[in-house]
């Protein structure tokens, strides 16, 4: 059995080496013959050449437009106790009490002394027949 496995492993290894040596791989990359790379022309925008952005010393804070933010308002859900009371979210799972069933207290089931534990083994023909055991 060991010899067969060793021979099979050796043959597989040799076949693998032969396959690897004889492989002629060619590239799968696509070559582009007429590739034209066209870039869009540079578009200058006002912010790119604005001195107030690139020279902060020359910027006047008086010229800056400040945006007014709206005042914050409290909504009902923000102050509601029902929303923020975590004890209401978790409901405790109540299990039913343990009940004794009839099989749990049946003396016939749990009486080991009355059961016949020791049984004799019987020898059958197939156990000693030579055609099964070579």
C-alpha atoms as a PDB file:
ATOM      1  CA  UNK A   1       0.000   0.000   0.000  1.00  0.00           C
ATOM      2  CA  UNK A   2       2.800   2.396   0.910  1.00  0.00           C
ATOM      3  CA  UNK A   3       4.685   1.547  -2.283  1.00  0.00           C
ATOM      4  CA  UNK A   4       1.616   2.296  -4.406  1.00  0.00           C
ATOM      5  CA  UNK A   5       1.116   5.666  -2.740  1.00  0.00           C
ATOM      6  CA  UNK A   6       4.800   6.543  -3.146  1.00  0.00           C
ATOM      7  CA  UNK A   7       4.731   5.561  -6.828  1.00  0.00           C
ATOM      8  CA  UNK A   8       1.572   7.590  -7.417  1.00  0.00           C
ATOM      9  CA  UNK A   9       3.046  10.632  -5.665  1.00  0.00           C
ATOM     10  CA  UNK A  10       6.285  10.334  -7.655  1.00  0.00           C
ATOM     11  CA  UNK A  11       4.417  10.038 -10.963  1.00  0.00           C
ATOM     12  CA  UNK A  12       2.269  13.053 -10.110  1.00  0.00           C
ATOM     13  CA  UNK A  13       5.338  15.087  -9.168  1.00  0.00           C
ATOM     14  CA  UNK A  14       7.153  14.201 -12.395  1.00  0.00           C
ATOM     15  CA  UNK A  15       4.059  15.012 -14.486  1.00  0.00           C
ATOM     16  CA  UNK A  16       3.765  18.372 -12.717  1.00  0.00           C
ATOM     17  CA  UNK A  17       7.430  19.187 -13.425  1.00  0.00           C
ATOM     18  CA  UNK A  18       6.989  18.295 -17.090  1.00  0.00           C
ATOM     19  CA  UNK A  19       3.926  20.519 -17.351  1.00  0.00           C
ATOM     20  CA  UNK A  20       5.680  23.457 -15.723  1.00  0.00           C
ATOM     21  CA  UNK A  21       8.780  23.149 -17.905  1.00  0.00           C
ATOM     22  CA  UNK A  22       6.798  22.945 -21.164  1.00  0.00           C
ATOM     23  CA  UNK A  23       4.523  25.909 -20.532  1.00  0.00           C
ATOM     24  CA  UNK A  24       4.901  28.716 -23.034  1.00  0.00           C
ATOM     25  CA  UNK A  25       3.047  31.621 -21.519  1.00  0.00           C
ATOM     26  CA  UNK A  26       2.301  34.621 -23.626  1.00  0.00           C
ATOM     27  CA  UNK A  27       1.239  37.986 -22.345  1.00  0.00           C
ATOM     28  CA  UNK A  28      -2.467  38.711 -22.185  1.00  0.00           C
ATOM     29  CA  UNK A  29      -2.002  42.442 -22.180  1.00  0.00           C
ATOM     30  CA  UNK A  30      -3.644  44.467 -24.910  1.00  0.00           C
ATOM     31  CA  UNK A  31      -1.317  46.676 -26.832  1.00  0.00           C
ATOM     32  CA  UNK A  32      -2.650  49.940 -28.140  1.00  0.00           C
ATOM     33  CA  UNK A  33      -1.122  50.957 -31.456  1.00  0.00           C
ATOM     34  CA  UNK A  34      -2.792  54.298 -32.022  1.00  0.00           C
ATOM     35  CA  UNK A  35      -3.138  55.779 -28.586  1.00  0.00           C
ATOM     36  CA  UNK A  36      -3.860  59.439 -28.492  1.00  0.00           C
ATOM     37  CA  UNK A  37      -3.699  61.080 -25.125  1.00  0.00           C
ATOM     38  CA  UNK A  38      -5.625  64.288 -25.133  1.00  0.00           C
ATOM     39  CA  UNK A  39      -5.778  66.540 -22.119  1.00  0.00           C
ATOM     40  CA  UNK A  40      -8.272  69.256 -21.615  1.00  0.00           C
ATOM     41  CA  UNK A  41      -6.934  72.769 -21.589  1.00  0.00           C
ATOM     42  CA  UNK A  42      -6.344  74.445 -18.257  1.00  0.00           C
ATOM     43  CA  UNK A  43      -9.237  76.597 -17.124  1.00  0.00           C
ATOM     44  CA  UNK A  44      -8.375  79.328 -14.654  1.00  0.00           C
ATOM     45  CA  UNK A  45     -11.016  80.297 -12.180  1.00  0.00           C
ATOM     46  CA  UNK A  46     -11.269  83.434 -10.097  1.00  0.00           C
ATOM     47  CA  UNK A  47     -10.380  81.793  -6.810  1.00  0.00           C
ATOM     48  CA  UNK A  48      -7.147  80.469  -8.293  1.00  0.00           C
ATOM     49  CA  UNK A  49      -5.756  83.954  -8.879  1.00  0.00           C
ATOM     50  CA  UNK A  50      -7.477  85.787  -6.017  1.00  0.00           C
ATOM     51  CA  UNK A  51      -4.915  87.570  -3.830  1.00  0.00           C
ATOM     52  CA  UNK A  52      -7.113  87.442  -0.745  1.00  0.00           C
ATOM     53  CA  UNK A  53      -6.892  83.657  -0.714  1.00  0.00           C
ATOM     54  CA  UNK A  54      -3.176  83.315  -1.380  1.00  0.00           C
ATOM     55  CA  UNK A  55      -2.018  86.360   0.640  1.00  0.00           C
ATOM     56  CA  UNK A  56      -3.858  86.290   3.942  1.00  0.00           C
ATOM     57  CA  UNK A  57      -2.115  89.436   5.215  1.00  0.00           C
ATOM     58  CA  UNK A  58      -3.793  91.535   2.568  1.00  0.00           C
ATOM     59  CA  UNK A  59      -7.253  90.254   3.471  1.00  0.00           C
ATOM     60  CA  UNK A  60      -9.546  92.473   5.451  1.00  0.00           C
ATOM     61  CA  UNK A  61     -11.895  90.834   7.923  1.00  0.00           C
ATOM     62  CA  UNK A  62     -14.392  93.595   7.342  1.00  0.00           C
ATOM     63  CA  UNK A  63     -14.901  92.410   3.780  1.00  0.00           C
ATOM     64  CA  UNK A  64     -15.751  88.893   4.898  1.00  0.00           C
ATOM     65  CA  UNK A  65     -19.407  87.923   4.713  1.00  0.00           C
ATOM     66  CA  UNK A  66     -20.542  86.056   7.814  1.00  0.00           C
ATOM     67  CA  UNK A  67     -23.431  83.690   7.484  1.00  0.00           C
ATOM     68  CA  UNK A  68     -25.916  83.821  10.321  1.00  0.00           C
ATOM     69  CA  UNK A  69     -26.810  80.467  11.762  1.00  0.00           C
ATOM     70  CA  UNK A  70     -30.321  79.755  12.873  1.00  0.00           C
ATOM     71  CA  UNK A  71     -30.930  79.457  16.579  1.00  0.00           C
ATOM     72  CA  UNK A  72     -31.208  75.973  17.977  1.00  0.00           C
ATOM     73  CA  UNK A  73     -34.650  74.975  19.160  1.00  0.00           C
ATOM     74  CA  UNK A  74     -35.589  72.190  21.484  1.00  0.00           C
ATOM     75  CA  UNK A  75     -38.057  69.703  20.107  1.00  0.00           C
ATOM     76  CA  UNK A  76     -40.370  67.451  22.122  1.00  0.00           C
ATOM     77  CA  UNK A  77     -38.417  64.253  21.461  1.00  0.00           C
ATOM     78  CA  UNK A  78     -35.248  65.850  22.829  1.00  0.00           C
ATOM     79  CA  UNK A  79     -36.724  66.279  26.294  1.00  0.00           C
ATOM     80  CA  UNK A  80     -39.144  63.342  26.386  1.00  0.00           C
ATOM     81  CA  UNK A  81     -38.529  60.874  29.200  1.00  0.00           C
ATOM     82  CA  UNK A  82     -39.965  58.047  27.118  1.00  0.00           C
ATOM     83  CA  UNK A  83     -37.222  58.458  24.515  1.00  0.00           C
ATOM     84  CA  UNK A  84     -34.327  58.658  26.954  1.00  0.00           C
ATOM     85  CA  UNK A  85     -35.488  56.211  29.635  1.00  0.00           C
ATOM     86  CA  UNK A  86     -33.542  53.071  28.782  1.00  0.00           C
ATOM     87  CA  UNK A  87     -35.440  50.976  31.303  1.00  0.00           C
ATOM     88  CA  UNK A  88     -38.501  51.089  29.056  1.00  0.00           C
ATOM     89  CA  UNK A  89     -36.582  49.750  26.075  1.00  0.00           C
ATOM     90  CA  UNK A  90     -35.439  46.500  27.692  1.00  0.00           C
ATOM     91  CA  UNK A  91     -38.215  44.132  28.679  1.00  0.00           C
ATOM     92  CA  UNK A  92     -37.248  41.408  31.093  1.00  0.00           C
ATOM     93  CA  UNK A  93     -38.038  37.931  29.813  1.00  0.00           C
ATOM     94  CA  UNK A  94     -39.886  35.963  32.461  1.00  0.00           C
ATOM     95  CA  UNK A  95     -39.442  32.223  32.284  1.00  0.00           C
ATOM     96  CA  UNK A  96     -42.128  29.771  33.312  1.00  0.00           C
ATOM     97  CA  UNK A  97     -41.586  27.782  36.473  1.00  0.00           C
ATOM     98  CA  UNK A  98     -40.094  24.325  36.210  1.00  0.00           C
ATOM     99  CA  UNK A  99     -42.703  21.609  36.136  1.00  0.00           C
ATOM    100  CA  UNK A 100     -42.118  17.988  37.037  1.00  0.00           C
ATOM    101  CA  UNK A 101     -43.321  15.568  34.409  1.00  0.00           C
ATOM    102  CA  UNK A 102     -44.358  11.994  35.023  1.00  0.00           C
ATOM    103  CA  UNK A 103     -41.283  10.431  33.446  1.00  0.00           C
ATOM    104  CA  UNK A 104     -39.060  12.446  35.801  1.00  0.00           C
ATOM    105  CA  UNK A 105     -40.486  10.828  38.901  1.00  0.00           C
ATOM    106  CA  UNK A 106     -41.406   7.392  37.519  1.00  0.00           C
ATOM    107  CA  UNK A 107     -39.699   4.763  39.708  1.00  0.00           C
ATOM    108  CA  UNK A 108     -39.704   2.123  36.962  1.00  0.00           C
ATOM    109  CA  UNK A 109     -37.567   4.295  34.713  1.00  0.00           C
ATOM    110  CA  UNK A 110     -35.012   5.131  37.376  1.00  0.00           C
ATOM    111  CA  UNK A 111     -34.863   1.765  39.112  1.00  0.00           C
ATOM    112  CA  UNK A 112     -31.594   0.333  37.837  1.00  0.00           C
ATOM    113  CA  UNK A 113     -31.664  -2.762  40.024  1.00  0.00           C
ATOM    114  CA  UNK A 114     -34.571  -4.308  38.114  1.00  0.00           C
ATOM    115  CA  UNK A 115     -32.993  -3.934  34.714  1.00  0.00           C
ATOM    116  CA  UNK A 116     -30.991  -6.833  33.359  1.00  0.00           C
ATOM    117  CA  UNK A 117     -27.683  -5.192  32.540  1.00  0.00           C
ATOM    118  CA  UNK A 118     -25.618  -8.328  32.080  1.00  0.00           C
ATOM    119  CA  UNK A 119     -26.572 -10.198  28.934  1.00  0.00           C
ATOM    120  CA  UNK A 120     -24.673 -13.108  27.498  1.00  0.00           C
ATOM    121  CA  UNK A 121     -22.920 -12.670  24.194  1.00  0.00           C
ATOM    122  CA  UNK A 122     -23.963 -15.128  21.517  1.00  0.00           C
ATOM    123  CA  UNK A 123     -21.460 -16.250  18.913  1.00  0.00           C
ATOM    124  CA  UNK A 124     -23.045 -16.375  15.481  1.00  0.00           C
ATOM    125  CA  UNK A 125     -21.824 -18.260  12.423  1.00  0.00           C
ATOM    126  CA  UNK A 126     -20.687 -15.188  10.491  1.00  0.00           C
ATOM    127  CA  UNK A 127     -18.377 -14.282  13.367  1.00  0.00           C
ATOM    128  CA  UNK A 128     -16.252 -17.385  12.915  1.00  0.00           C
ATOM    129  CA  UNK A 129     -16.752 -18.032   9.188  1.00  0.00           C
ATOM    130  CA  UNK A 130     -13.472 -18.025   7.232  1.00  0.00           C
ATOM    131  CA  UNK A 131     -14.977 -16.503   4.079  1.00  0.00           C
ATOM    132  CA  UNK A 132     -15.621 -13.222   5.974  1.00  0.00           C
ATOM    133  CA  UNK A 133     -12.262 -13.147   7.751  1.00  0.00           C
ATOM    134  CA  UNK A 134      -9.338 -13.722   5.421  1.00  0.00           C
END
